[in-house]
Each structure stands twice: as structure tokens, then as C-alpha cells.
Amino acid sequence: MFSHYTGERNKRYCIYLYLGRTLHRTEEELKNVIRYSLSKAFESLLGGNGLYVLRFHVERRLDMDMYEAFYEDPHKFYKAVEDFLGEGAEALMRLIIAWLIQNGYLEVANLTADNFMKLLKEGGEMAKIMIRSSFRGESKGVVGGW
């Protein structure tokens, strides 16, 4: 459904979804929601030590916080994970997406796990908008910013 973003109608629809879901949240709140959601997913699947290793390698490649990198450019984040894990990056991200969906951190009414992966791989502004708008919930337990 979201494989091509060239049509003006598709672009307007994506922006409408993004604005409709995020107008009630500030950018900082959305960053915190994404940070909290991803940190819970990665820690749950990799454990504390595995998350530490992943963060070390991804942050070294990107020269920035892993979660901030995901927020700013999900495709660039995915490429850094892929540089570290190779073909295992897709498997890891599919597990992360499945965990986020199962635990209610992703809104999947209009975005499937396959589409989410496709957006991560393709990148671009529309992909970033769709990925950001898919996160839901409050940033439980998150205090402060980045």
C-alpha cells in the first residue's frame, strides 16, 4: 500500500495521518515516546548487555545517540544496524517491530510489519513521517529529553 510515494494524493494522505496522530504531542514528547518504546523492545529482546553492544556499535557509526538517530532518520539508523549485523539486521528489526506491535507501542491499522520494514529500507521523508506516526502511547517513565 505504501510502496510508492510519488503521487501527490499519497503524499497528502501520509501528511494527514502524521499530523492527525501527532498534533496533540510536541516533537519532544514524540521523541520520548519513540525512545521509550524502542528501548523497551531492544532491552526485552537483547537484554541489557546485548543492547549495550548494539548501542556502542550503532552510535560509533552514526556519531549520535541511537534513539535520536532513529527519530531523525530511520533509514540511516537501519543502515548502521545493517553495517554492524549484516543480514541479521532485518531479522532483528522484524523482531523489534513484532514486539512493538504485540505490546501496543505501534499503531498498525494502516501499517503492517512488512510495510514498516519496507519504509526502514527505502527511507525518505514520507517513510520517516509514516514511521513516526505509527508510534502511539505515552512516554511512560521517561523523564527529561535526549
Protein backbone atom coordinates (compact mmCIF):
# COMPACT_ATOMS: atom_id res chain seq x y z
CA MET A 1 0.00 0.00 0.00
CA PHE A 2 2.82 2.44 0.83
CA SER A 3 5.39 1.25 -1.70
CA HIS A 4 5.24 4.38 -3.86
CA TYR A 5 5.06 7.93 -2.55
CA THR A 6 5.26 9.74 -5.87
CA GLY A 7 1.61 10.67 -6.18
CA GLU A 8 0.52 13.98 -4.67
CA ARG A 9 -2.56 12.29 -3.22
CA ASN A 10 -0.42 9.72 -1.37
CA LYS A 11 1.82 12.47 0.00
CA ARG A 12 -1.16 14.44 1.27
CA TYR A 13 -2.65 11.32 2.86
CA CYS A 14 0.64 10.49 4.62
CA ILE A 15 0.96 14.04 5.93
CA TYR A 16 -2.68 13.97 7.06
CA LEU A 17 -2.04 10.74 9.01
CA TYR A 18 1.12 12.16 10.54
CA LEU A 19 -0.48 15.44 11.58
CA GLY A 20 -3.65 13.78 12.82
CA ARG A 21 -1.72 11.47 15.10
CA THR A 22 0.94 13.85 16.31
CA LEU A 23 -0.73 17.24 16.65
CA HIS A 24 -1.57 16.51 20.27
CA ARG A 25 2.10 15.77 21.01
CA THR A 26 5.06 18.07 20.90
CA GLU A 27 8.14 16.97 18.99
CA GLU A 28 9.92 16.33 22.29
CA GLU A 29 7.04 14.16 23.51
CA LEU A 30 7.10 12.17 20.29
CA LYS A 31 10.87 11.69 20.60
CA ASN A 32 10.39 10.43 24.14
CA VAL A 33 7.62 8.04 23.08
CA ILE A 34 9.84 6.59 20.36
CA ARG A 35 12.88 6.43 22.66
CA TYR A 36 10.93 4.68 25.41
CA SER A 37 9.21 2.24 23.02
CA LEU A 38 12.40 1.25 21.24
CA SER A 39 14.45 0.97 24.42
CA LYS A 40 11.85 -1.37 25.95
CA ALA A 41 11.79 -3.50 22.79
CA PHE A 42 15.57 -3.74 22.36
CA GLU A 43 16.17 -4.45 26.04
CA SER A 44 13.43 -7.07 26.13
CA LEU A 45 14.84 -8.91 23.11
CA LEU A 46 18.59 -8.39 23.55
CA GLY A 47 18.96 -7.98 27.30
CA GLY A 48 20.99 -5.21 28.90
CA ASN A 49 24.38 -6.40 27.64
CA GLY A 50 23.17 -7.02 24.09
CA LEU A 51 21.60 -3.58 23.99
CA TYR A 52 24.84 -2.04 25.26
CA VAL A 53 26.83 -3.70 22.47
CA LEU A 54 24.31 -2.69 19.79
CA ARG A 55 24.24 0.91 21.02
CA PHE A 56 28.03 1.07 21.12
CA HIS A 57 28.40 -0.04 17.50
CA VAL A 58 25.46 1.93 16.08
CA GLU A 59 26.39 5.12 17.94
CA ARG A 60 30.01 4.77 16.85
CA ARG A 61 28.92 4.53 13.22
CA LEU A 62 26.44 7.42 13.43
CA ASP A 63 28.27 9.60 15.96
CA MET A 64 24.97 10.24 17.78
CA ASP A 65 22.53 8.65 20.18
CA MET A 66 20.92 5.53 18.68
CA TYR A 67 17.36 6.57 19.52
CA GLU A 68 17.82 10.12 18.31
CA ALA A 69 19.24 8.69 15.07
CA PHE A 70 16.11 6.55 14.64
CA TYR A 71 13.91 9.60 15.17
CA GLU A 72 15.89 11.84 12.81
CA ASP A 73 16.42 9.31 10.01
CA PRO A 74 15.08 5.77 10.48
CA HIS A 75 16.72 4.61 7.23
CA LYS A 76 20.16 5.83 8.33
CA PHE A 77 19.61 4.08 11.67
CA TYR A 78 18.71 0.85 9.87
CA LYS A 79 21.80 1.10 7.64
CA ALA A 80 24.00 1.46 10.74
CA VAL A 81 22.42 -1.65 12.29
CA GLU A 82 22.88 -3.44 8.97
CA ASP A 83 26.55 -2.39 8.82
CA PHE A 84 27.03 -4.00 12.23
CA LEU A 85 24.83 -7.10 11.92
CA GLY A 86 24.77 -7.70 8.18
CA GLU A 87 21.78 -9.77 7.08
CA GLY A 88 20.83 -10.22 10.73
CA ALA A 89 19.67 -6.59 10.84
CA GLU A 90 16.44 -7.35 9.04
CA ALA A 91 15.69 -10.28 11.35
CA LEU A 92 16.38 -8.14 14.43
CA MET A 93 14.24 -5.26 13.21
CA ARG A 94 11.38 -7.61 12.31
CA LEU A 95 11.52 -8.98 15.87
CA ILE A 96 11.58 -5.42 17.26
CA ILE A 97 8.58 -4.43 15.12
CA ALA A 98 6.67 -7.56 16.15
CA TRP A 99 7.42 -6.85 19.83
CA LEU A 100 6.28 -3.23 19.47
CA ILE A 101 3.03 -4.32 17.82
CA GLN A 102 2.39 -7.12 20.32
CA ASN A 103 2.93 -4.78 23.26
CA GLY A 104 0.79 -1.95 21.86
CA TYR A 105 3.55 0.54 21.07
CA LEU A 106 2.80 0.68 17.34
CA GLU A 107 -0.45 1.64 15.66
CA VAL A 108 -0.82 -0.89 12.87
CA ALA A 109 -4.23 -0.04 11.44
CA ASN A 110 -2.65 1.35 8.28
CA LEU A 111 0.87 -0.03 8.52
CA THR A 112 1.85 -3.70 8.60
CA ALA A 113 5.16 -5.07 9.85
CA ASP A 114 6.19 -5.74 6.24
CA ASN A 115 5.39 -2.16 5.27
CA PHE A 116 7.29 -0.86 8.29
CA MET A 117 10.37 -2.85 7.18
CA LYS A 118 9.99 -1.56 3.64
CA LEU A 119 9.88 2.02 4.94
CA LEU A 120 13.02 1.44 7.01
CA LYS A 121 14.86 0.10 3.98
CA GLU A 122 13.68 2.70 1.45
CA GLY A 123 13.98 5.82 3.56
CA GLY A 124 12.89 9.29 2.51
CA GLU A 125 10.68 11.97 4.04
CA MET A 126 7.39 10.10 3.57
CA ALA A 127 8.87 6.97 5.12
CA LYS A 128 10.03 9.00 8.13
CA ILE A 129 6.56 10.53 8.51
CA MET A 130 4.84 7.15 8.34
CA ILE A 131 7.25 5.55 10.82
CA ARG A 132 6.93 8.41 13.31
CA SER A 133 3.15 8.45 13.06
CA SER A 134 2.92 4.72 13.76
CA PHE A 135 4.16 5.10 17.35
CA ARG A 136 1.49 5.58 19.97
CA GLY A 137 1.18 5.87 23.68
CA GLU A 138 2.80 7.97 26.29
CA SER A 139 6.47 8.01 27.17
CA LYS A 140 5.91 6.10 30.42
CA GLY A 141 8.65 6.64 32.92
CA VAL A 142 10.67 8.89 30.66
CA VAL A 143 11.97 11.96 32.39
CA GLY A 144 13.85 14.65 30.55
CA GLY A 145 14.93 14.70 26.95
CA TRP A 146 17.72 13.19 24.97
